[in-house]
């Protein structure tokens, strides 16, 4: 498993950084990458944009709590 720590500056890091993350996801497998410290919808949207399917953080925990 590989964890990528979310930070809002990742969005502004540019296409080269986004492509590096996409490559990491593709080469490692989407089921092995976790975007963690997800604290808002922007993080989920970004993760999905680069191919991440696994998320961890307060935002996700709150969504799960709302469903229960």
PDB file of N, CA and C in Angstrom:
ATOM      1  N   UNK A   1       0.837  -1.183   0.000  1.00  0.00           N
ATOM      2  CA  UNK A   1       0.000   0.000   0.000  1.00  0.00           C
ATOM      3  C   UNK A   1       0.882   1.246   0.000  1.00  0.00           C
ATOM      4  N   UNK A   2       0.410   2.249  -0.713  1.00  0.00           N
ATOM      5  CA  UNK A   2       1.109   3.531  -0.779  1.00  0.00           C
ATOM      6  C   UNK A   2       0.128   4.610  -0.353  1.00  0.00           C
ATOM      7  N   UNK A   3       0.549   5.453   0.581  1.00  0.00           N
ATOM      8  CA  UNK A   3      -0.281   6.570   1.008  1.00  0.00           C
ATOM      9  C   UNK A   3       0.257   7.862   0.413  1.00  0.00           C
ATOM     10  N   UNK A   4      -0.648   8.625  -0.138  1.00  0.00           N
ATOM     11  CA  UNK A   4      -0.331   9.966  -0.606  1.00  0.00           C
ATOM     12  C   UNK A   4      -1.056  10.917   0.338  1.00  0.00           C
ATOM     13  N   UNK A   5      -0.319  11.810   0.953  1.00  0.00           N
ATOM     14  CA  UNK A   5      -0.914  12.758   1.879  1.00  0.00           C
ATOM     15  C   UNK A   5      -1.489  13.936   1.109  1.00  0.00           C
ATOM     16  N   UNK A   6      -2.766  14.177   1.303  1.00  0.00           N
ATOM     17  CA  UNK A   6      -3.446  15.278   0.640  1.00  0.00           C
ATOM     18  C   UNK A   6      -3.011  16.619   1.230  1.00  0.00           C
ATOM     19  N   UNK A   7      -2.807  17.560   0.341  1.00  0.00           N
ATOM     20  CA  UNK A   7      -2.608  18.959   0.724  1.00  0.00           C
ATOM     21  C   UNK A   7      -3.171  19.794  -0.419  1.00  0.00           C
ATOM     22  N   UNK A   8      -3.927  20.846  -0.121  1.00  0.00           N
ATOM     23  CA  UNK A   8      -4.550  21.641  -1.177  1.00  0.00           C
ATOM     24  C   UNK A   8      -3.579  22.174  -2.228  1.00  0.00           C
ATOM     25  N   UNK A   9      -2.318  22.345  -1.871  1.00  0.00           N
ATOM     26  CA  UNK A   9      -1.338  22.856  -2.834  1.00  0.00           C
ATOM     27  C   UNK A   9      -1.067  21.865  -3.968  1.00  0.00           C
ATOM     28  N   UNK A  10      -1.433  20.602  -3.788  1.00  0.00           N
ATOM     29  CA  UNK A  10      -1.238  19.610  -4.854  1.00  0.00           C
ATOM     30  C   UNK A  10      -2.017  20.018  -6.097  1.00  0.00           C
ATOM     31  N   UNK A  11      -3.198  20.577  -5.906  1.00  0.00           N
ATOM     32  CA  UNK A  11      -4.026  20.999  -7.042  1.00  0.00           C
ATOM     33  C   UNK A  11      -3.291  22.047  -7.872  1.00  0.00           C
ATOM     34  N   UNK A  12      -2.597  22.955  -7.204  1.00  0.00           N
ATOM     35  CA  UNK A  12      -1.895  24.038  -7.890  1.00  0.00           C
ATOM     36  C   UNK A  12      -0.469  23.667  -8.300  1.00  0.00           C
ATOM     37  N   UNK A  13      -0.059  22.426  -8.046  1.00  0.00           N
ATOM     38  CA  UNK A  13       1.316  22.011  -8.335  1.00  0.00           C
ATOM     39  C   UNK A  13       1.590  21.868  -9.828  1.00  0.00           C
ATOM     40  N   UNK A  14       0.548  21.848 -10.631  1.00  0.00           N
ATOM     41  CA  UNK A  14       0.729  21.822 -12.077  1.00  0.00           C
ATOM     42  C   UNK A  14       0.546  20.452 -12.687  1.00  0.00           C
ATOM     43  N   UNK A  15       0.473  20.463 -14.010  1.00  0.00           N
ATOM     44  CA  UNK A  15       0.216  19.237 -14.758  1.00  0.00           C
ATOM     45  C   UNK A  15       1.314  18.197 -14.598  1.00  0.00           C
ATOM     46  N   UNK A  16       2.560  18.644 -14.468  1.00  0.00           N
ATOM     47  CA  UNK A  16       3.665  17.685 -14.320  1.00  0.00           C
ATOM     48  C   UNK A  16       3.495  16.863 -13.046  1.00  0.00           C
ATOM     49  N   UNK A  17       3.125  17.503 -11.950  1.00  0.00           N
ATOM     50  CA  UNK A  17       2.907  16.782 -10.697  1.00  0.00           C
ATOM     51  C   UNK A  17       1.700  15.856 -10.804  1.00  0.00           C
ATOM     52  N   UNK A  18       0.639  16.332 -11.414  1.00  0.00           N
ATOM     53  CA  UNK A  18      -0.559  15.513 -11.579  1.00  0.00           C
ATOM     54  C   UNK A  18      -0.236  14.275 -12.411  1.00  0.00           C
ATOM     55  N   UNK A  19       0.557  14.460 -13.444  1.00  0.00           N
ATOM     56  CA  UNK A  19       0.938  13.333 -14.295  1.00  0.00           C
ATOM     57  C   UNK A  19       1.814  12.343 -13.533  1.00  0.00           C
ATOM     58  N   UNK A  20       2.696  12.834 -12.678  1.00  0.00           N
ATOM     59  CA  UNK A  20       3.526  11.939 -11.845  1.00  0.00           C
ATOM     60  C   UNK A  20       2.659  11.091 -10.925  1.00  0.00           C
ATOM     61  N   UNK A  21       1.629  11.695 -10.361  1.00  0.00           N
ATOM     62  CA  UNK A  21       0.722  10.943  -9.482  1.00  0.00           C
ATOM     63  C   UNK A  21      -0.071   9.926 -10.294  1.00  0.00           C
ATOM     64  N   UNK A  22      -0.565  10.332 -11.470  1.00  0.00           N
ATOM     65  CA  UNK A  22      -1.278   9.382 -12.343  1.00  0.00           C
ATOM     66  C   UNK A  22      -0.387   8.194 -12.690  1.00  0.00           C
ATOM     67  N   UNK A  23       0.863   8.473 -13.010  1.00  0.00           N
ATOM     68  CA  UNK A  23       1.809   7.405 -13.340  1.00  0.00           C
ATOM     69  C   UNK A  23       2.019   6.479 -12.138  1.00  0.00           C
ATOM     70  N   UNK A  24       2.153   7.042 -10.953  1.00  0.00           N
ATOM     71  CA  UNK A  24       2.306   6.248  -9.736  1.00  0.00           C
ATOM     72  C   UNK A  24       1.098   5.332  -9.536  1.00  0.00           C
ATOM     73  N   UNK A  25      -0.101   5.880  -9.725  1.00  0.00           N
ATOM     74  CA  UNK A  25      -1.322   5.089  -9.580  1.00  0.00           C
ATOM     75  C   UNK A  25      -1.360   3.981 -10.630  1.00  0.00           C
ATOM     76  N   UNK A  26      -1.067   4.327 -11.870  1.00  0.00           N
ATOM     77  CA  UNK A  26      -1.092   3.335 -12.949  1.00  0.00           C
ATOM     78  C   UNK A  26      -0.072   2.227 -12.741  1.00  0.00           C
ATOM     79  N   UNK A  27       1.126   2.599 -12.345  1.00  0.00           N
ATOM     80  CA  UNK A  27       2.186   1.599 -12.208  1.00  0.00           C
ATOM     81  C   UNK A  27       2.044   0.752 -10.945  1.00  0.00           C
ATOM     82  N   UNK A  28       1.409   1.292  -9.913  1.00  0.00           N
ATOM     83  CA  UNK A  28       1.266   0.564  -8.650  1.00  0.00           C
ATOM     84  C   UNK A  28      -0.052  -0.189  -8.557  1.00  0.00           C
ATOM     85  N   UNK A  29      -1.037   0.283  -9.289  1.00  0.00           N
ATOM     86  CA  UNK A  29      -2.366  -0.309  -9.230  1.00  0.00           C
ATOM     87  C   UNK A  29      -3.275   0.534  -8.359  1.00  0.00           C
ATOM     88  N   UNK A  30      -4.453   0.818  -8.878  1.00  0.00           N
ATOM     89  CA  UNK A  30      -5.365   1.724  -8.181  1.00  0.00           C
ATOM     90  C   UNK A  30      -5.827   1.190  -6.833  1.00  0.00           C
ATOM     91  N   UNK A  31      -5.756  -0.111  -6.625  1.00  0.00           N
ATOM     92  CA  UNK A  31      -6.178  -0.678  -5.340  1.00  0.00           C
ATOM     93  C   UNK A  31      -5.069  -0.634  -4.290  1.00  0.00           C
ATOM     94  N   UNK A  32      -3.912  -0.058  -4.650  1.00  0.00           N
ATOM     95  CA  UNK A  32      -2.792   0.008  -3.713  1.00  0.00           C
ATOM     96  C   UNK A  32      -2.457   1.426  -3.266  1.00  0.00           C
ATOM     97  N   UNK A  33      -3.167   2.412  -3.788  1.00  0.00           N
ATOM     98  CA  UNK A  33      -2.894   3.815  -3.473  1.00  0.00           C
ATOM     99  C   UNK A  33      -4.034   4.371  -2.622  1.00  0.00           C
ATOM    100  N   UNK A  34      -3.679   5.015  -1.508  1.00  0.00           N
ATOM    101  CA  UNK A  34      -4.664   5.645  -0.626  1.00  0.00           C
ATOM    102  C   UNK A  34      -4.334   7.134  -0.535  1.00  0.00           C
ATOM    103  N   UNK A  35      -5.327   7.955  -0.807  1.00  0.00           N
ATOM    104  CA  UNK A  35      -5.171   9.391  -0.565  1.00  0.00           C
ATOM    105  C   UNK A  35      -5.675   9.638   0.850  1.00  0.00           C
ATOM    106  N   UNK A  36      -4.774  10.052   1.728  1.00  0.00           N
ATOM    107  CA  UNK A  36      -5.151  10.218   3.130  1.00  0.00           C
ATOM    108  C   UNK A  36      -5.147  11.689   3.524  1.00  0.00           C
ATOM    109  N   UNK A  37      -5.652  11.932   4.721  1.00  0.00           N
ATOM    110  CA  UNK A  37      -5.869  13.284   5.252  1.00  0.00           C
ATOM    111  C   UNK A  37      -6.869  14.066   4.402  1.00  0.00           C
ATOM    112  N   UNK A  38      -7.826  13.333   3.849  1.00  0.00           N
ATOM    113  CA  UNK A  38      -8.875  13.929   3.026  1.00  0.00           C
ATOM    114  C   UNK A  38      -9.839  14.663   3.953  1.00  0.00           C
ATOM    115  N   UNK A  39      -9.885  15.983   3.820  1.00  0.00           N
ATOM    116  CA  UNK A  39     -10.724  16.765   4.716  1.00  0.00           C
ATOM    117  C   UNK A  39     -11.809  17.566   4.003  1.00  0.00           C
ATOM    118  N   UNK A  40     -11.930  17.381   2.679  1.00  0.00           N
ATOM    119  CA  UNK A  40     -12.992  18.079   1.963  1.00  0.00           C
ATOM    120  C   UNK A  40     -13.232  17.419   0.604  1.00  0.00           C
ATOM    121  N   UNK A  41     -14.273  17.881  -0.064  1.00  0.00           N
ATOM    122  CA  UNK A  41     -14.660  17.308  -1.357  1.00  0.00           C
ATOM    123  C   UNK A  41     -13.583  17.537  -2.422  1.00  0.00           C
ATOM    124  N   UNK A  42     -12.879  18.637  -2.338  1.00  0.00           N
ATOM    125  CA  UNK A  42     -11.825  18.943  -3.305  1.00  0.00           C
ATOM    126  C   UNK A  42     -10.790  17.814  -3.358  1.00  0.00           C
ATOM    127  N   UNK A  43     -10.453  17.263  -2.207  1.00  0.00           N
ATOM    128  CA  UNK A  43      -9.473  16.173  -2.144  1.00  0.00           C
ATOM    129  C   UNK A  43      -9.987  14.942  -2.870  1.00  0.00           C
ATOM    130  N   UNK A  44     -11.258  14.611  -2.664  1.00  0.00           N
ATOM    131  CA  UNK A  44     -11.851  13.454  -3.337  1.00  0.00           C
ATOM    132  C   UNK A  44     -11.886  13.680  -4.845  1.00  0.00           C
ATOM    133  N   UNK A  45     -12.308  14.858  -5.259  1.00  0.00           N
ATOM    134  CA  UNK A  45     -12.361  15.184  -6.690  1.00  0.00           C
ATOM    135  C   UNK A  45     -10.984  15.072  -7.326  1.00  0.00           C
ATOM    136  N   UNK A  46      -9.976  15.606  -6.652  1.00  0.00           N
ATOM    137  CA  UNK A  46      -8.617  15.517  -7.189  1.00  0.00           C
ATOM    138  C   UNK A  46      -8.169  14.060  -7.266  1.00  0.00           C
ATOM    139  N   UNK A  47      -8.381  13.316  -6.201  1.00  0.00           N
ATOM    140  CA  UNK A  47      -7.984  11.909  -6.193  1.00  0.00           C
ATOM    141  C   UNK A  47      -8.619  11.137  -7.339  1.00  0.00           C
ATOM    142  N   UNK A  48      -9.892  11.330  -7.550  1.00  0.00           N
ATOM    143  CA  UNK A  48     -10.567  10.647  -8.657  1.00  0.00           C
ATOM    144  C   UNK A  48     -10.008  11.084 -10.002  1.00  0.00           C
ATOM    145  N   UNK A  49      -9.644  12.349 -10.117  1.00  0.00           N
ATOM    146  CA  UNK A  49      -9.088  12.868 -11.371  1.00  0.00           C
ATOM    147  C   UNK A  49      -7.776  12.163 -11.738  1.00  0.00           C
ATOM    148  N   UNK A  50      -6.985  11.805 -10.715  1.00  0.00           N
ATOM    149  CA  UNK A  50      -5.694  11.167 -10.994  1.00  0.00           C
ATOM    150  C   UNK A  50      -5.755   9.640 -10.863  1.00  0.00           C
ATOM    151  N   UNK A  51      -6.954   9.095 -10.630  1.00  0.00           N
ATOM    152  CA  UNK A  51      -7.124   7.651 -10.633  1.00  0.00           C
ATOM    153  C   UNK A  51      -7.147   6.972  -9.276  1.00  0.00           C
ATOM    154  N   UNK A  52      -7.142   7.739  -8.210  1.00  0.00           N
ATOM    155  CA  UNK A  52      -7.183   7.154  -6.870  1.00  0.00           C
ATOM    156  C   UNK A  52      -8.621   6.742  -6.549  1.00  0.00           C
ATOM    157  N   UNK A  53      -8.768   5.541  -5.961  1.00  0.00           N
ATOM    158  CA  UNK A  53     -10.089   5.042  -5.585  1.00  0.00           C
ATOM    159  C   UNK A  53     -10.257   4.839  -4.087  1.00  0.00           C
ATOM    160  N   UNK A  54      -9.172   4.928  -3.341  1.00  0.00           N
ATOM    161  CA  UNK A  54      -9.215   4.703  -1.898  1.00  0.00           C
ATOM    162  C   UNK A  54      -8.887   5.998  -1.165  1.00  0.00           C
ATOM    163  N   UNK A  55      -9.738   6.347  -0.200  1.00  0.00           N
ATOM    164  CA  UNK A  55      -9.599   7.610   0.512  1.00  0.00           C
ATOM    165  C   UNK A  55      -9.702   7.379   2.013  1.00  0.00           C
ATOM    166  N   UNK A  56      -9.003   8.213   2.759  1.00  0.00           N
ATOM    167  CA  UNK A  56      -9.002   8.127   4.212  1.00  0.00           C
ATOM    168  C   UNK A  56      -8.945   9.539   4.767  1.00  0.00           C
ATOM    169  N   UNK A  57      -9.745   9.812   5.785  1.00  0.00           N
ATOM    170  CA  UNK A  57      -9.697  11.126   6.406  1.00  0.00           C
ATOM    171  C   UNK A  57     -11.023  11.542   7.004  1.00  0.00           C
ATOM    172  N   UNK A  58     -11.034  12.707   7.607  1.00  0.00           N
ATOM    173  CA  UNK A  58     -12.221  13.196   8.317  1.00  0.00           C
ATOM    174  C   UNK A  58     -13.433  13.360   7.414  1.00  0.00           C
ATOM    175  N   UNK A  59     -13.200  13.837   6.204  1.00  0.00           N
ATOM    176  CA  UNK A  59     -14.321  14.029   5.286  1.00  0.00           C
ATOM    177  C   UNK A  59     -15.001  12.692   5.012  1.00  0.00           C
ATOM    178  N   UNK A  60     -14.221  11.665   4.747  1.00  0.00           N
ATOM    179  CA  UNK A  60     -14.748  10.334   4.462  1.00  0.00           C
ATOM    180  C   UNK A  60     -15.450   9.773   5.700  1.00  0.00           C
ATOM    181  N   UNK A  61     -14.842   9.927   6.863  1.00  0.00           N
ATOM    182  CA  UNK A  61     -15.446   9.448   8.105  1.00  0.00           C
ATOM    183  C   UNK A  61     -16.786  10.118   8.355  1.00  0.00           C
ATOM    184  N   UNK A  62     -16.886  11.410   8.077  1.00  0.00           N
ATOM    185  CA  UNK A  62     -18.146  12.122   8.255  1.00  0.00           C
ATOM    186  C   UNK A  62     -19.209  11.630   7.286  1.00  0.00           C
ATOM    187  N   UNK A  63     -18.830  11.312   6.062  1.00  0.00           N
ATOM    188  CA  UNK A  63     -19.791  10.763   5.095  1.00  0.00           C
ATOM    189  C   UNK A  63     -20.319   9.415   5.572  1.00  0.00           C
ATOM    190  N   UNK A  64     -19.437   8.590   6.102  1.00  0.00           N
ATOM    191  CA  UNK A  64     -19.842   7.283   6.611  1.00  0.00           C
ATOM    192  C   UNK A  64     -20.756   7.454   7.817  1.00  0.00           C
ATOM    193  N   UNK A  65     -20.422   8.360   8.711  1.00  0.00           N
ATOM    194  CA  UNK A  65     -21.248   8.602   9.903  1.00  0.00           C
ATOM    195  C   UNK A  65     -22.638   9.093   9.520  1.00  0.00           C
ATOM    196  N   UNK A  66     -22.730   9.914   8.471  1.00  0.00           N
ATOM    197  CA  UNK A  66     -24.027  10.422   8.023  1.00  0.00           C
ATOM    198  C   UNK A  66     -24.911   9.301   7.493  1.00  0.00           C
ATOM    199  N   UNK A  67     -24.300   8.286   6.867  1.00  0.00           N
ATOM    200  CA  UNK A  67     -25.071   7.161   6.328  1.00  0.00           C
ATOM    201  C   UNK A  67     -25.639   6.272   7.424  1.00  0.00           C
ATOM    202  N   UNK A  68     -24.964   6.234   8.563  1.00  0.00           N
ATOM    203  CA  UNK A  68     -25.443   5.396   9.665  1.00  0.00           C
ATOM    204  C   UNK A  68     -26.471   6.159  10.417  1.00  0.00           C
TER     205      UNK A  68
END
